[in-house]
């Protein structure tokens, strides 16, 4: 697959879209567009805050949204109510005329997705780790990385890892929220993501660092979560 055919955009909430939304500005979420320029189809990863704007950005680039990939069910990634704020997300995407967008989630995340977004069973496509979602001729491999939530997943596409809140350039997702499991996150970082090569570029779910992306090799060298080589050391810092 050539880089010319792959369509990949990293978009920062509060800057690239939802620019007048104070929650988006505070939360600094990334949304992603992944598609096939030749077929004109694209997927949104973690649609939230200003969903029509994300659809329009793809449209300006000549692509139509044909689905969504969800890293996990928290409202800042998929919409819903959070701390008294109502955030746009999956529900609004499903309501856009002319957009047929099944929502691809890990099956362990289905209950949370339905509760938070109001999506129905028919709106969701349930997946296991290792499944592949294809958009045009572009393959996106789904990696089940529980810990932040039971069904958290990362997406591998052409040398890029979109990691949601599983892994940031600095640190990792919280495990003290409902469904969090610090031991599972340790195994996700040290074992389930161990097969991801050092030259793969990490794209996180939030801008919690000076740079928006980095190679996995650089992240493994600089991120403190990889300096805890045993589960006992991990538990001392993160609990479990």
Protein backbone atom coordinates (compact mmCIF):
# COMPACT_ATOMS: atom_id res chain seq x y z
CA UNK A 1 0.00 0.00 0.00
CA UNK A 2 1.44 3.40 -0.99
CA UNK A 3 1.39 6.43 1.27
CA UNK A 4 -0.39 8.27 -1.53
CA UNK A 5 -3.38 5.95 -1.23
CA UNK A 6 -3.58 5.91 2.57
CA UNK A 7 -5.50 8.82 4.07
CA UNK A 8 -4.58 9.53 7.70
CA UNK A 9 -5.31 12.67 9.69
CA UNK A 10 -4.78 13.44 13.36
CA UNK A 11 -7.16 16.18 14.55
CA UNK A 12 -7.00 17.94 17.92
CA UNK A 13 -10.24 18.94 19.60
CA UNK A 14 -10.42 22.61 20.50
CA UNK A 15 -7.91 23.47 17.78
CA UNK A 16 -8.67 21.60 14.54
CA UNK A 17 -12.38 21.13 15.27
CA UNK A 18 -14.80 22.16 18.03
CA UNK A 19 -12.69 25.29 18.41
CA UNK A 20 -15.29 27.14 20.53
CA UNK A 21 -16.02 24.20 22.83
CA UNK A 22 -14.42 24.77 26.26
CA UNK A 23 -14.59 21.08 27.17
CA UNK A 24 -12.83 20.13 23.94
CA UNK A 25 -10.19 22.74 24.62
CA UNK A 26 -9.65 21.40 28.14
CA UNK A 27 -9.68 17.70 27.31
CA UNK A 28 -7.39 17.96 24.23
CA UNK A 29 -8.72 14.77 22.66
CA UNK A 30 -7.46 13.55 19.34
CA UNK A 31 -9.83 12.22 16.72
CA UNK A 32 -8.49 10.45 13.65
CA UNK A 33 -9.61 9.98 10.06
CA UNK A 34 -8.32 6.87 8.27
CA UNK A 35 -9.28 6.08 4.72
CA UNK A 36 -8.49 5.05 1.17
CA UNK A 37 -8.09 7.97 -1.21
CA UNK A 38 -8.77 5.79 -4.24
CA UNK A 39 -12.07 4.38 -3.00
CA UNK A 40 -13.08 7.61 -1.24
CA UNK A 41 -14.09 5.82 1.98
CA UNK A 42 -12.93 6.78 5.47
CA UNK A 43 -13.43 5.85 9.12
CA UNK A 44 -13.57 8.19 12.11
CA UNK A 45 -11.69 7.05 15.19
CA UNK A 46 -13.28 8.31 18.43
CA UNK A 47 -15.88 10.79 17.10
CA UNK A 48 -16.69 13.40 19.74
CA UNK A 49 -17.39 17.12 20.35
CA UNK A 50 -18.23 18.28 16.81
CA UNK A 51 -19.03 15.23 14.75
CA UNK A 52 -20.45 17.03 11.71
CA UNK A 53 -17.21 19.00 11.49
CA UNK A 54 -15.21 15.76 11.37
CA UNK A 55 -17.47 14.43 8.61
CA UNK A 56 -17.06 17.72 6.74
CA UNK A 57 -13.26 17.67 7.06
CA UNK A 58 -13.21 14.25 5.41
CA UNK A 59 -15.62 15.53 2.78
CA UNK A 60 -13.42 18.49 1.89
CA UNK A 61 -10.61 15.98 1.38
CA UNK A 62 -12.84 13.98 -0.97
CA UNK A 63 -13.76 11.11 1.37
CA UNK A 64 -17.07 9.89 2.76
CA UNK A 65 -17.43 8.44 6.26
CA UNK A 66 -18.40 4.77 6.13
CA UNK A 67 -17.91 3.81 9.78
CA UNK A 68 -16.35 4.60 13.11
CA UNK A 69 -13.74 2.88 15.24
CA UNK A 70 -13.94 3.31 19.01
CA UNK A 71 -10.97 2.91 21.34
CA UNK A 72 -13.21 2.87 24.45
CA UNK A 73 -16.55 4.09 25.72
CA UNK A 74 -15.66 7.17 27.81
CA UNK A 75 -17.74 10.22 26.81
CA UNK A 76 -14.77 12.37 25.76
CA UNK A 77 -14.13 9.79 23.03
CA UNK A 78 -17.66 8.76 21.98
CA UNK A 79 -20.02 11.39 23.39
CA UNK A 80 -22.45 11.37 26.27
CA UNK A 81 -22.67 13.09 29.64
CA UNK A 82 -19.48 13.90 31.55
CA UNK A 83 -19.23 16.05 34.70
CA UNK A 84 -22.49 17.78 33.81
CA UNK A 85 -21.49 18.45 30.20
CA UNK A 86 -23.24 16.90 27.22
CA UNK A 87 -20.72 15.91 24.56
CA UNK A 88 -21.60 15.12 20.95
CA UNK A 89 -20.46 11.77 19.66
CA UNK A 90 -21.67 8.48 18.26
CA UNK A 91 -25.36 9.35 18.63
CA UNK A 92 -24.95 12.45 16.48
CA UNK A 93 -22.89 10.57 13.90
CA UNK A 94 -25.61 7.95 13.54
CA UNK A 95 -28.19 10.71 13.02
CA UNK A 96 -26.43 12.48 10.12
CA UNK A 97 -28.41 12.12 6.91
CA UNK A 98 -26.55 10.20 4.25
CA UNK A 99 -23.95 8.77 6.62
CA UNK A 100 -24.10 5.00 7.09
CA UNK A 101 -21.58 4.47 9.86
CA UNK A 102 -21.52 1.21 11.81
CA UNK A 103 -19.60 1.57 15.07
CA UNK A 104 -16.78 -0.94 15.51
CA UNK A 105 -16.10 -1.78 19.18
CA UNK A 106 -14.49 -4.54 21.17
CA UNK A 107 -17.22 -6.84 22.43
CA UNK A 108 -16.16 -6.18 26.04
CA UNK A 109 -17.06 -2.52 25.48
CA UNK A 110 -20.57 -3.04 24.10
CA UNK A 111 -22.42 -2.62 27.41
CA UNK A 112 -20.60 0.62 28.23
CA UNK A 113 -21.09 1.96 24.71
CA UNK A 114 -24.83 1.39 24.81
CA UNK A 115 -25.18 2.88 28.29
CA UNK A 116 -23.09 6.00 27.56
CA UNK A 117 -24.14 6.80 23.99
CA UNK A 118 -27.59 5.26 23.64
CA UNK A 119 -26.42 3.18 20.68
CA UNK A 120 -28.37 0.00 20.01
CA UNK A 121 -27.13 -3.50 19.28
CA UNK A 122 -27.81 -2.94 15.59
CA UNK A 123 -25.54 0.14 15.57
CA UNK A 124 -22.54 -1.78 16.88
CA UNK A 125 -20.19 -4.25 15.20
CA UNK A 126 -18.53 -6.34 17.91
CA UNK A 127 -14.92 -7.43 17.55
CA UNK A 128 -12.23 -9.49 19.21
CA UNK A 129 -8.54 -8.69 19.34
CA UNK A 130 -6.85 -9.53 16.05
CA UNK A 131 -9.86 -8.69 13.90
CA UNK A 132 -9.28 -6.55 10.82
CA UNK A 133 -11.57 -3.77 9.64
CA UNK A 134 -11.09 -2.78 6.01
CA UNK A 135 -11.84 0.63 4.55
CA UNK A 136 -11.38 0.53 0.81
CA UNK A 137 -8.13 -1.41 0.46
CA UNK A 138 -6.74 -0.18 3.80
CA UNK A 139 -6.56 -2.76 6.60
CA UNK A 140 -6.89 -1.68 10.22
CA UNK A 141 -5.90 -4.35 12.75
CA UNK A 142 -7.66 -4.23 16.11
CA UNK A 143 -5.61 -4.95 19.23
CA UNK A 144 -7.51 -5.66 22.46
CA UNK A 145 -5.64 -3.79 25.21
CA UNK A 146 -7.76 -3.92 28.39
CA UNK A 147 -6.85 -2.01 31.51
CA UNK A 148 -8.16 1.53 31.09
CA UNK A 149 -11.52 -0.12 30.34
CA UNK A 150 -12.34 -3.80 29.77
CA UNK A 151 -12.71 -3.39 26.02
CA UNK A 152 -10.07 -0.78 25.27
CA UNK A 153 -8.51 -1.35 21.87
CA UNK A 154 -5.72 0.10 19.75
CA UNK A 155 -5.59 0.26 15.97
CA UNK A 156 -2.64 -0.66 13.76
CA UNK A 157 -2.64 0.81 10.28
CA UNK A 158 0.38 0.99 7.97
CA UNK A 159 3.05 1.55 10.61
CA UNK A 160 0.85 3.65 12.88
CA UNK A 161 -0.63 2.72 16.26
CA UNK A 162 -3.68 4.72 17.34
CA UNK A 163 -3.72 3.93 21.05
CA UNK A 164 -6.61 5.85 22.59
CA UNK A 165 -6.06 6.05 26.36
CA UNK A 166 -4.09 2.82 26.60
CA UNK A 167 -0.75 4.54 26.05
CA UNK A 168 0.38 8.16 25.80
CA UNK A 169 3.80 9.47 24.89
CA UNK A 170 4.14 10.22 28.61
CA UNK A 171 2.22 7.90 30.93
CA UNK A 172 -0.82 5.74 30.27
CA UNK A 173 -4.56 5.69 30.91
CA UNK A 174 -6.07 5.74 34.38
CA UNK A 175 -7.20 2.52 36.02
CA UNK A 176 -9.20 4.00 38.91
CA UNK A 177 -12.37 4.58 36.87
CA UNK A 178 -15.18 1.99 36.63
CA UNK A 179 -13.92 -1.05 34.70
CA UNK A 180 -10.27 -0.11 35.11
CA UNK A 181 -7.79 -2.84 35.98
CA UNK A 182 -4.16 -1.92 36.66
CA UNK A 183 -2.85 -5.47 36.24
CA UNK A 184 -4.54 -5.78 32.85
CA UNK A 185 -3.05 -2.48 31.72
CA UNK A 186 0.40 -3.68 32.75
CA UNK A 187 -0.02 -6.79 30.62
CA UNK A 188 -1.41 -4.74 27.73
CA UNK A 189 1.62 -2.45 27.74
CA UNK A 190 4.29 -5.06 28.34
CA UNK A 191 2.87 -8.10 26.54
CA UNK A 192 -0.06 -7.33 24.24
CA UNK A 193 1.71 -4.36 22.66
CA UNK A 194 5.11 -6.07 22.74
CA UNK A 195 4.59 -7.24 19.16
CA UNK A 196 4.33 -3.64 17.94
CA UNK A 197 7.69 -2.74 16.41
CA UNK A 198 9.85 0.12 17.65
CA UNK A 199 9.55 1.95 14.33
CA UNK A 200 5.74 2.04 14.54
CA UNK A 201 4.52 5.59 15.23
CA UNK A 202 2.36 6.02 18.33
CA UNK A 203 -0.68 8.30 18.02
CA UNK A 204 -2.35 8.79 21.44
CA UNK A 205 -5.89 9.71 22.46
CA UNK A 206 -4.91 13.04 24.07
CA UNK A 207 -2.23 15.67 23.65
CA UNK A 208 -0.61 15.15 27.04
CA UNK A 209 2.93 15.79 25.81
CA UNK A 210 4.85 18.38 23.84
CA UNK A 211 4.69 16.32 20.65
CA UNK A 212 1.58 14.74 19.13
CA UNK A 213 3.27 11.48 18.14
CA UNK A 214 6.48 9.51 18.53
CA UNK A 215 7.88 6.14 17.56
CA UNK A 216 7.20 3.24 19.89
CA UNK A 217 10.94 2.84 20.30
CA UNK A 218 11.32 6.41 21.56
CA UNK A 219 8.27 6.00 23.78
CA UNK A 220 9.62 2.81 25.30
CA UNK A 221 12.84 4.64 26.07
CA UNK A 222 11.30 7.79 27.58
CA UNK A 223 7.94 6.81 29.08
CA UNK A 224 8.18 5.95 32.78
CA UNK A 225 5.57 3.18 32.47
CA UNK A 226 8.18 1.04 30.74
CA UNK A 227 10.65 1.46 33.61
CA UNK A 228 8.66 -0.85 35.88
CA UNK A 229 9.81 -4.28 34.70
CA UNK A 230 7.83 -6.39 37.16
CA UNK A 231 4.17 -6.55 38.10
CA UNK A 232 5.09 -5.97 41.76
CA UNK A 233 6.84 -2.71 40.93
CA UNK A 234 3.88 -1.71 38.79
CA UNK A 235 1.45 -2.40 41.62
CA UNK A 236 3.51 -0.27 43.99
CA UNK A 237 2.96 2.73 41.71
CA UNK A 238 -0.45 2.01 40.18
CA UNK A 239 -2.14 -0.31 42.67
CA UNK A 240 -3.65 -3.69 41.85
